[in-house]
Amino acid sequence: MTGIRSSEAAVWLACALATTAAADEIALAGGSRLTGSVTAIAENGSVTLDTPLSPAPVTLTGGAIRIIAFSQPAAPAQPGDTRVRLVNGDVLPGELRALDGGALTLATTFAGDVTVPRRLVARLDLGVAPNRTIYDGPMSLEGWDADRWTYRDESFLSQENGARISRRFDLPRQFVLRFHLNWRNAPNLQVAFAESGSGEPLSDAYLIQFNHAGIELKRQRANTPRPVSLTALNRPPEQFTQSEVEVEIRVDRATSKLQLLLDGQLEARIDDPTGPPPAGDRVSFRSNLGGEATHRITRIQLLSWNAAGDRHRTEERGDPKTDALIDAEGSRYSGELETIRSGPDGPVLRFKSPLLDKPMEIPAAEVSTVFLAADVPTAADSSPLVLKLQGAGELRAERCVFAGDKLTVRHPLLGDWTLKRGALRAVERRDPPPAASPK
């Protein structure tokens, strides 16, 4: 967020103010922080802050501000059990209402009933159980045991061999670990999770290792000198052209099964045959660098996970020219989703398949995922803002302004939308895509 111009800060801060907050924190470009209550944003991006440090409101220039953080409502509205994924990757949480006449109607907590053209919908995930957020950061080193790792700009950084940072969490039997890794020169990182003990080499844990050879997931048992390899991917660092990767690991300790996703794509489903899974509650990052290399870790998330309800949502898309329906038992049908209508016990999907004599009508409660045929080419999206919604929703935005309790967002596909201020968890500013190299 550093180096934001005043005009950019005005957009960023106007959007950030849309979140309801009991206590606000402003992080300045130089690393200092101020807390209080943000009361106004001027057209030039300056911010007025009521703070206990001053008897009068403080005005900060937009260029001096890196980020504003807001606390979240204690009891946010329930977002519904359906997630609508658009063709650009955005996610809208809500409750299914109808699909008819080329448009999908979704009941939402952030904008009431909204209508989305069918051609912009890529998939529907139904029966989504809300995941509880265990951790979302980092915002500081507080709570972490850090050895030769530093904190800067919402990131953990290390340039040293053997450096380690770890923390204990209240991990359930089923959980998701996500983090974003950037590196300079070459990565050599080991991440331990569900770890017991103090992180000594012979502790009990799952390990994921990323170095010049690729990515490997291992099972380390206590007092066993060599970990057991569970899966290895031929994904060396040079395959990641921007020297970064988003890692997601889904852990089901009830069945000793794991899933590994890279940049949102499922890479491996993994069975752990080594016996009882690790029962620990610690997550650690260990840097094994040399020379001028650097690790930078951002966007660390830990979530509870409903593995049973999520098991079909990593299915392959299949033929993009036809619709596909996957039911709760894992059966797949290709064909056409004709309509969605209200039924006595909830929405009912009417799906026509060449494998069936007549269209089937199936309750939404018995459906896991629906893929819709794509007829809109995806293009590079340069929207500078990403709005994080309650219920794991996400919207890109070209601009947003607010007045009172309403937020107006200009979406690159959907145009102008009016949202409720309290629907936002956060607003992130994206760096512009790198310019193409001249030929």
Protein backbone atom coordinates (compact mmCIF):
# COMPACT_ATOMS: atom_id res chain seq x y z
CA MET A 1 0.00 0.00 0.00
CA THR A 2 2.97 2.31 0.22
CA GLY A 3 3.40 5.13 -2.25
CA ILE A 4 -0.34 5.76 -2.80
CA ARG A 5 -1.02 9.06 -4.54
CA SER A 6 -3.60 11.41 -3.02
CA SER A 7 -6.18 10.62 -5.70
CA GLU A 8 -5.69 6.88 -5.19
CA ALA A 9 -5.87 7.32 -1.43
CA ALA A 10 -9.19 9.09 -1.80
CA VAL A 11 -10.67 6.05 -3.58
CA TRP A 12 -9.08 3.58 -1.19
CA LEU A 13 -10.10 5.42 1.95
CA ALA A 14 -13.61 6.17 0.78
CA CYS A 15 -14.15 2.46 0.24
CA ALA A 16 -12.48 1.48 3.50
CA LEU A 17 -14.81 3.78 5.44
CA ALA A 18 -17.74 1.73 4.24
CA THR A 19 -17.00 -0.90 6.90
CA THR A 20 -18.69 -0.45 10.26
CA ALA A 21 -16.06 0.03 12.94
CA ALA A 22 -15.91 0.54 16.68
CA ALA A 23 -12.22 1.46 16.60
CA ASP A 24 -10.22 2.52 13.59
CA GLU A 25 -6.48 2.23 13.05
CA ILE A 26 -4.52 4.19 10.47
CA ALA A 27 -1.13 2.86 9.36
CA LEU A 28 1.09 5.58 7.97
CA ALA A 29 3.55 5.11 5.14
CA GLY A 30 6.50 5.46 7.52
CA GLY A 31 5.30 2.59 9.72
CA SER A 32 3.63 4.62 12.49
CA ARG A 33 0.05 3.92 13.57
CA LEU A 34 -2.78 6.05 14.91
CA THR A 35 -6.02 4.83 16.47
CA GLY A 36 -9.31 6.58 16.98
CA SER A 37 -12.40 7.28 14.91
CA VAL A 38 -12.24 8.33 11.27
CA THR A 39 -14.95 10.97 10.79
CA ALA A 40 -14.39 12.39 7.30
CA ILE A 41 -12.52 12.11 4.03
CA ALA A 42 -12.06 15.18 1.87
CA GLU A 43 -12.11 15.23 -1.91
CA ASN A 44 -8.31 15.50 -2.00
CA GLY A 45 -7.96 12.27 0.04
CA SER A 46 -7.16 13.86 3.43
CA VAL A 47 -8.61 12.08 6.46
CA THR A 48 -10.02 13.53 9.67
CA LEU A 49 -9.36 11.42 12.74
CA ASP A 50 -10.70 11.84 16.27
CA THR A 51 -7.96 10.45 18.49
CA PRO A 52 -7.23 10.53 22.23
CA LEU A 53 -3.77 11.85 21.34
CA SER A 54 -5.18 15.25 20.39
CA PRO A 55 -7.89 17.48 21.90
CA ALA A 56 -8.94 18.45 18.37
CA PRO A 57 -9.51 16.28 15.30
CA VAL A 58 -6.34 15.45 13.35
CA THR A 59 -6.19 15.87 9.57
CA LEU A 60 -3.86 13.55 7.63
CA THR A 61 -2.95 13.96 3.98
CA GLY A 62 -3.94 11.09 1.71
CA GLY A 63 -0.40 10.43 0.56
CA ALA A 64 0.72 9.78 4.16
CA ILE A 65 -1.72 6.91 4.69
CA ARG A 66 -1.05 3.29 3.83
CA ILE A 67 -4.16 1.54 5.14
CA ILE A 68 -7.16 1.98 7.43
CA ALA A 69 -8.28 -1.04 9.45
CA PHE A 70 -11.78 -1.30 10.94
CA SER A 71 -13.18 -3.69 13.52
CA GLN A 72 -16.02 -5.93 12.37
CA PRO A 73 -19.57 -6.32 13.72
CA ALA A 74 -19.81 -8.82 16.57
CA ALA A 75 -22.71 -10.63 14.87
CA PRO A 76 -22.66 -10.08 11.07
CA ALA A 77 -25.74 -11.06 9.06
CA GLN A 78 -25.75 -14.63 7.75
CA PRO A 79 -24.86 -14.49 4.03
CA GLY A 80 -26.78 -17.58 2.83
CA ASP A 81 -25.61 -21.01 1.69
CA THR A 82 -24.96 -20.34 -2.02
CA ARG A 83 -21.85 -18.86 -3.63
CA VAL A 84 -22.19 -17.51 -7.17
CA ARG A 85 -18.85 -17.32 -8.96
CA LEU A 86 -18.72 -14.92 -11.89
CA VAL A 87 -16.67 -15.41 -15.05
CA ASN A 88 -14.00 -13.00 -13.73
CA GLY A 89 -13.60 -14.98 -10.48
CA ASP A 90 -15.68 -12.72 -8.22
CA VAL A 91 -17.89 -14.46 -5.63
CA LEU A 92 -21.38 -13.36 -4.52
CA PRO A 93 -22.78 -15.01 -1.36
CA GLY A 94 -26.53 -15.33 -0.93
CA GLU A 95 -29.66 -17.48 -1.21
CA LEU A 96 -30.92 -18.76 -4.57
CA ARG A 97 -34.22 -17.26 -5.69
CA ALA A 98 -34.68 -18.03 -9.39
CA LEU A 99 -33.09 -18.60 -12.77
CA ASP A 100 -35.29 -17.68 -15.71
CA GLY A 101 -35.18 -15.58 -18.84
CA GLY A 102 -31.40 -15.41 -18.96
CA ALA A 103 -30.96 -13.97 -15.46
CA LEU A 104 -30.15 -15.35 -12.02
CA THR A 105 -31.81 -13.81 -8.95
CA LEU A 106 -29.95 -14.01 -5.66
CA ALA A 107 -31.08 -12.77 -2.23
CA THR A 108 -28.14 -11.12 -0.49
CA THR A 109 -27.43 -9.42 2.82
CA PHE A 110 -25.33 -6.74 1.10
CA ALA A 111 -27.74 -5.51 -1.62
CA GLY A 112 -31.12 -7.22 -1.18
CA ASP A 113 -32.33 -9.20 -4.20
CA VAL A 114 -29.85 -8.80 -7.06
CA THR A 115 -30.10 -9.95 -10.67
CA VAL A 116 -27.06 -11.21 -12.55
CA PRO A 117 -27.10 -12.05 -16.29
CA ARG A 118 -26.70 -15.79 -16.70
CA ARG A 119 -23.90 -15.32 -19.23
CA LEU A 120 -21.73 -13.77 -16.47
CA VAL A 121 -22.16 -16.73 -14.07
CA ALA A 122 -19.47 -19.42 -14.16
CA ARG A 123 -20.64 -21.71 -11.34
CA LEU A 124 -22.95 -22.14 -8.37
CA ASP A 125 -21.78 -23.74 -5.11
CA LEU A 126 -24.74 -24.83 -2.99
CA GLY A 127 -25.03 -25.91 0.62
CA VAL A 128 -21.98 -23.95 1.69
CA ALA A 129 -21.44 -24.09 5.43
CA PRO A 130 -19.84 -20.90 6.76
CA ASN A 131 -16.22 -21.27 7.76
CA ARG A 132 -15.18 -19.73 11.05
CA THR A 133 -12.19 -17.41 10.74
CA ILE A 134 -9.48 -18.44 13.20
CA TYR A 135 -6.81 -16.00 12.03
CA ASP A 136 -6.53 -13.37 9.30
CA GLY A 137 -3.30 -11.39 9.08
CA PRO A 138 -0.60 -10.61 9.78
CA MET A 139 -1.05 -7.18 11.31
CA SER A 140 2.02 -7.38 13.58
CA LEU A 141 4.42 -9.84 15.22
CA GLU A 142 2.29 -9.87 18.36
CA GLY A 143 1.39 -13.43 19.36
CA TRP A 144 4.07 -14.98 17.13
CA ASP A 145 7.35 -16.53 18.26
CA ALA A 146 9.73 -14.94 15.76
CA ASP A 147 13.38 -15.84 15.23
CA ARG A 148 15.00 -13.68 12.52
CA TRP A 149 11.71 -12.82 10.85
CA THR A 150 10.57 -9.20 10.66
CA TYR A 151 7.22 -7.52 10.08
CA ARG A 152 6.59 -4.78 7.55
CA ASP A 153 3.55 -3.67 5.55
CA GLU A 154 1.30 -6.59 6.59
CA SER A 155 4.05 -9.05 5.70
CA PHE A 156 6.52 -11.39 7.38
CA LEU A 157 9.99 -11.17 5.80
CA SER A 158 13.16 -13.22 6.17
CA GLN A 159 16.54 -13.32 4.45
CA GLU A 160 18.29 -15.77 6.77
CA ASN A 161 18.90 -19.49 6.85
CA GLY A 162 17.15 -21.30 9.69
CA ALA A 163 14.87 -18.36 10.56
CA ARG A 164 11.55 -19.51 12.04
CA ILE A 165 8.26 -17.91 13.03
CA SER A 166 5.45 -19.87 14.68
CA ARG A 167 2.23 -19.54 16.60
CA ARG A 168 -0.30 -21.75 18.35
CA PHE A 169 -3.96 -21.62 17.30
CA ASP A 170 -7.21 -23.25 18.34
CA LEU A 171 -7.27 -25.61 15.36
CA PRO A 172 -10.33 -27.84 14.81
CA ARG A 173 -10.11 -31.33 13.35
CA GLN A 174 -10.87 -29.86 9.93
CA PHE A 175 -9.22 -26.60 8.92
CA VAL A 176 -7.86 -24.58 5.99
CA LEU A 177 -4.46 -22.87 5.91
CA ARG A 178 -3.83 -20.19 3.27
CA PHE A 179 -0.87 -17.91 2.68
CA HIS A 180 0.68 -15.90 -0.14
CA LEU A 181 4.42 -16.29 -0.77
CA ASN A 182 6.67 -13.92 -2.70
CA TRP A 183 10.37 -14.53 -3.12
CA ARG A 184 13.48 -12.94 -4.55
CA ASN A 185 16.07 -15.12 -6.30
CA ALA A 186 14.94 -18.60 -5.18
CA PRO A 187 12.60 -19.83 -2.43
CA ASN A 188 13.49 -22.42 0.17
CA LEU A 189 10.60 -22.50 2.63
CA GLN A 190 9.20 -25.18 4.91
CA VAL A 191 5.78 -24.74 6.51
CA ALA A 192 4.66 -26.99 9.35
CA PHE A 193 1.02 -27.25 10.42
CA ALA A 194 -0.93 -29.28 12.98
CA GLU A 195 2.46 -29.27 14.68
CA SER A 196 3.06 -30.50 18.23
CA GLY A 197 5.89 -29.39 20.49
CA SER A 198 8.32 -26.58 19.91
CA GLY A 199 9.08 -27.23 16.25
CA GLU A 200 12.22 -29.27 16.70
CA PRO A 201 13.06 -31.48 13.71
CA LEU A 202 11.43 -34.52 15.31
CA SER A 203 8.12 -32.90 16.24
CA ASP A 204 4.81 -34.32 15.01
CA ALA A 205 3.43 -32.36 12.04
CA TYR A 206 2.50 -32.10 8.41
CA LEU A 207 5.11 -30.27 6.31
CA ILE A 208 5.00 -28.54 2.95
CA GLN A 209 8.33 -27.70 1.38
CA PHE A 210 9.03 -25.45 -1.61
CA ASN A 211 12.52 -25.19 -3.12
CA HIS A 212 14.34 -25.57 -6.44
CA ALA A 213 13.06 -29.14 -6.83
CA GLY A 214 9.39 -28.18 -6.59
CA ILE A 215 6.70 -28.59 -3.94
CA GLU A 216 6.40 -31.58 -1.61
CA LEU A 217 3.94 -32.40 1.16
CA LYS A 218 5.29 -34.65 3.92
CA ARG A 219 4.26 -36.31 7.17
CA GLN A 220 6.73 -35.94 10.02
CA ARG A 221 6.14 -38.29 12.95
CA ALA A 222 7.61 -37.58 16.33
CA ASN A 223 10.94 -39.28 17.00
CA THR A 224 11.19 -40.50 13.40
CA PRO A 225 14.32 -39.21 11.66
CA ARG A 226 12.94 -39.02 8.10
CA PRO A 227 9.52 -37.62 7.12
CA VAL A 228 7.30 -39.62 4.76
CA SER A 229 6.53 -38.00 1.41
CA LEU A 230 2.77 -37.84 0.78
CA THR A 231 2.89 -36.08 -2.60
CA ALA A 232 5.45 -34.26 -4.74
CA LEU A 233 4.69 -31.75 -7.51
CA ASN A 234 7.07 -30.95 -10.32
CA ARG A 235 6.46 -27.22 -9.87
CA PRO A 236 9.90 -25.57 -9.61
CA PRO A 237 10.07 -21.83 -8.85
CA GLU A 238 10.72 -20.83 -12.47
CA GLN A 239 7.19 -21.98 -13.38
CA PHE A 240 5.81 -19.09 -11.30
CA THR A 241 6.71 -16.20 -13.57
CA GLN A 242 5.93 -13.44 -11.04
CA SER A 243 7.90 -15.14 -8.23
CA GLU A 244 4.76 -15.59 -6.14
CA VAL A 245 2.17 -18.24 -5.34
CA GLU A 246 -1.03 -18.51 -3.31
CA VAL A 247 -0.97 -21.73 -1.26
CA GLU A 248 -4.07 -23.35 0.24
CA ILE A 249 -4.03 -26.57 2.24
CA ARG A 250 -7.26 -28.21 3.39
CA VAL A 251 -6.79 -30.64 6.26
CA ASP A 252 -9.34 -33.25 7.37
CA ARG A 253 -7.81 -34.95 10.38
CA ALA A 254 -11.00 -36.99 10.90
CA THR A 255 -10.25 -38.99 7.74
CA SER A 256 -6.49 -38.30 7.33
CA LYS A 257 -7.10 -36.59 4.00
CA LEU A 258 -5.66 -33.34 2.62
CA GLN A 259 -6.08 -31.16 -0.46
CA LEU A 260 -3.43 -28.88 -1.92
CA LEU A 261 -4.35 -25.87 -4.06
CA LEU A 262 -1.97 -23.45 -5.79
CA ASP A 263 -3.31 -20.10 -7.04
CA GLY A 264 -6.85 -21.40 -6.52
CA GLN A 265 -6.39 -24.57 -8.59
CA LEU A 266 -6.60 -28.02 -7.05
CA GLU A 267 -3.23 -29.76 -7.50
CA ALA A 268 -3.59 -32.90 -5.36
CA ARG A 269 -5.94 -34.90 -3.18
CA ILE A 270 -3.84 -36.67 -0.59
CA ASP A 271 -4.38 -39.65 1.71
CA ASP A 272 -2.14 -39.96 4.76
CA PRO A 273 -1.43 -43.69 5.23
CA THR A 274 1.03 -43.23 8.08
CA GLY A 275 -1.42 -43.66 10.95
CA PRO A 276 -3.19 -41.19 13.24
CA PRO A 277 -2.81 -37.62 11.94
CA PRO A 278 -0.84 -35.03 13.90
CA ALA A 279 -2.91 -33.60 16.74
CA GLY A 280 -0.97 -30.37 17.27
CA ASP A 281 -2.18 -26.79 17.03
CA ARG A 282 0.91 -24.88 15.88
CA VAL A 283 1.73 -23.36 12.47
CA SER A 284 5.31 -22.39 11.63
CA PHE A 285 7.27 -20.97 8.70
CA ARG A 286 10.95 -21.87 8.41
CA SER A 287 13.23 -20.08 5.98
CA ASN A 288 16.25 -21.94 4.61
CA LEU A 289 17.69 -19.23 2.41
CA GLY A 290 21.15 -18.23 1.42
CA GLY A 291 22.80 -15.32 -0.36
CA GLU A 292 20.55 -12.42 -1.35
CA ALA A 293 17.27 -14.38 -1.40
CA THR A 294 14.16 -13.16 0.44
CA HIS A 295 10.87 -14.67 1.55
CA ARG A 296 7.79 -12.46 1.96
CA ILE A 297 4.63 -14.01 3.42
CA THR A 298 1.30 -12.19 3.34
CA ARG A 299 -2.43 -12.95 3.61
CA ILE A 300 -2.18 -15.73 6.17
CA GLN A 301 -5.59 -17.22 6.89
CA LEU A 302 -6.76 -20.08 9.09
CA LEU A 303 -10.39 -21.18 8.76
CA SER A 304 -12.53 -23.97 10.09
CA TRP A 305 -13.59 -26.27 7.27
CA ASN A 306 -16.70 -28.34 6.56
CA ALA A 307 -14.94 -31.03 4.54
CA ALA A 308 -18.10 -33.07 3.85
CA GLY A 309 -19.94 -30.10 2.33
CA ASP A 310 -16.90 -28.99 0.33
CA ARG A 311 -15.72 -32.27 -1.14
CA HIS A 312 -17.25 -31.77 -4.60
CA ARG A 313 -16.33 -28.12 -5.07
CA THR A 314 -12.89 -28.92 -6.40
CA GLU A 315 -14.28 -30.97 -9.30
CA GLU A 316 -12.89 -30.21 -12.75
CA ARG A 317 -14.96 -27.87 -14.89
CA GLY A 318 -15.29 -30.28 -17.81
CA ASP A 319 -16.55 -29.18 -21.24
CA PRO A 320 -16.96 -25.39 -21.05
CA LYS A 321 -19.57 -25.46 -23.85
CA THR A 322 -22.17 -27.28 -21.75
CA ASP A 323 -23.61 -27.02 -18.26
CA ALA A 324 -22.71 -29.62 -15.65
CA LEU A 325 -24.46 -30.55 -12.39
CA ILE A 326 -22.83 -32.49 -9.54
CA ASP A 327 -25.20 -33.79 -6.88
CA ALA A 328 -24.44 -34.25 -3.20
CA GLU A 329 -23.43 -37.88 -3.80
CA GLY A 330 -20.88 -36.93 -6.45
CA SER A 331 -22.83 -38.01 -9.55
CA ARG A 332 -22.20 -35.74 -12.56
CA TYR A 333 -24.64 -34.82 -15.30
CA SER A 334 -23.92 -32.77 -18.43
CA GLY A 335 -26.58 -30.86 -20.29
CA GLU A 336 -28.44 -27.63 -19.57
CA LEU A 337 -29.69 -25.96 -16.39
CA GLU A 338 -33.09 -24.74 -17.62
CA THR A 339 -34.60 -22.98 -14.61
CA ILE A 340 -34.48 -22.54 -10.87
CA ARG A 341 -37.84 -22.07 -9.15
CA SER A 342 -39.15 -21.89 -5.61
CA GLY A 343 -40.43 -25.12 -4.09
CA PRO A 344 -42.14 -25.96 -0.80
CA ASP A 345 -38.80 -26.91 0.78
CA GLY A 346 -36.54 -24.44 -1.02
CA PRO A 347 -35.26 -23.88 -4.55
CA VAL A 348 -35.67 -26.61 -7.18
CA LEU A 349 -33.33 -26.92 -10.18
CA ARG A 350 -34.65 -28.20 -13.52
CA PHE A 351 -31.80 -29.83 -15.47
CA LYS A 352 -32.00 -31.40 -18.93
CA SER A 353 -29.44 -34.07 -19.83
CA PRO A 354 -29.13 -36.20 -22.97
CA LEU A 355 -28.64 -39.17 -20.63
CA LEU A 356 -32.15 -38.77 -19.18
CA ASP A 357 -35.54 -39.40 -20.81
CA LYS A 358 -36.92 -36.13 -19.44
CA PRO A 359 -35.54 -33.18 -17.47
CA MET A 360 -35.01 -33.92 -13.81
CA GLU A 361 -36.11 -31.62 -11.03
CA ILE A 362 -33.75 -31.78 -8.09
CA PRO A 363 -33.95 -29.83 -4.81
CA ALA A 364 -31.07 -27.43 -4.22
CA ALA A 365 -30.37 -29.26 -0.95
CA GLU A 366 -29.31 -32.29 -3.02
CA VAL A 367 -26.95 -30.34 -5.31
CA SER A 368 -23.29 -29.63 -4.65
CA THR A 369 -22.10 -27.65 -7.69
CA VAL A 370 -23.42 -26.40 -11.02
CA PHE A 371 -21.07 -25.25 -13.80
CA LEU A 372 -22.63 -23.00 -16.44
CA ALA A 373 -21.49 -22.88 -20.05
CA ALA A 374 -19.15 -19.96 -20.62
CA ASP A 375 -19.75 -17.66 -23.58
CA VAL A 376 -17.99 -14.55 -22.26
CA PRO A 377 -14.23 -14.39 -22.95
CA THR A 378 -12.21 -13.55 -19.86
CA ALA A 379 -9.90 -10.57 -20.14
CA ALA A 380 -7.27 -9.05 -17.93
CA ASP A 381 -8.93 -7.05 -15.16
CA SER A 382 -7.19 -3.86 -14.08
CA SER A 383 -9.73 -2.83 -11.44
CA PRO A 384 -7.70 -1.23 -8.63
CA LEU A 385 -9.91 -2.36 -5.73
CA VAL A 386 -11.12 -5.67 -4.32
CA LEU A 387 -14.04 -5.60 -1.89
CA LYS A 388 -14.17 -8.42 0.66
CA LEU A 389 -17.77 -9.22 1.66
CA GLN A 390 -19.19 -11.05 4.63
CA GLY A 391 -19.51 -14.77 3.81
CA ALA A 392 -16.29 -15.07 1.79
CA GLY A 393 -17.65 -12.89 -1.01
CA GLU A 394 -15.38 -10.84 -3.22
CA LEU A 395 -16.01 -8.09 -5.77
CA ARG A 396 -13.61 -6.18 -7.97
CA ALA A 397 -14.32 -2.48 -8.25
CA GLU A 398 -13.19 0.26 -10.59
CA ARG A 399 -14.35 2.87 -8.07
CA CYS A 400 -16.54 3.23 -5.00
CA VAL A 401 -18.02 6.14 -3.04
CA PHE A 402 -20.29 6.23 -0.05
CA ALA A 403 -22.89 8.42 1.58
CA GLY A 404 -24.73 7.57 4.79
CA ASP A 405 -25.06 3.79 5.04
CA LYS A 406 -24.93 3.15 1.28
CA LEU A 407 -21.91 2.33 -0.87
CA THR A 408 -21.93 2.76 -4.65
CA VAL A 409 -19.56 0.42 -6.45
CA ARG A 410 -18.68 0.37 -10.14
CA HIS A 411 -18.08 -3.26 -11.06
CA PRO A 412 -16.22 -4.07 -14.32
CA LEU A 413 -18.99 -6.49 -15.43
CA LEU A 414 -22.11 -5.48 -13.53
CA GLY A 415 -21.85 -1.70 -13.65
CA ASP A 416 -22.95 0.43 -10.69
CA TRP A 417 -24.22 -1.37 -7.60
CA THR A 418 -25.47 0.01 -4.31
CA LEU A 419 -24.29 -1.99 -1.29
CA LYS A 420 -24.84 -1.73 2.43
CA ARG A 421 -21.86 -0.33 4.30
CA GLY A 422 -21.88 -3.08 6.92
CA ALA A 423 -21.56 -5.81 4.28
CA LEU A 424 -17.83 -5.19 3.79
CA ARG A 425 -15.10 -6.88 5.74
CA ALA A 426 -12.29 -5.09 3.97
CA VAL A 427 -11.18 -3.30 0.85
CA GLU A 428 -7.84 -4.11 -0.72
CA ARG A 429 -5.97 -2.06 -3.25
CA ARG A 430 -4.39 -4.11 -6.03
CA ASP A 431 -1.17 -3.15 -7.71
CA PRO A 432 -1.58 -2.58 -11.47
CA PRO A 433 -0.51 -5.50 -13.68
CA PRO A 434 3.08 -5.28 -14.89
CA ALA A 435 3.56 -3.52 -18.20
CA ALA A 436 4.35 -5.78 -21.13
CA SER A 437 8.02 -5.90 -22.03
CA PRO A 438 8.82 -4.18 -25.34
CA LYS A 439 9.60 -6.54 -28.18
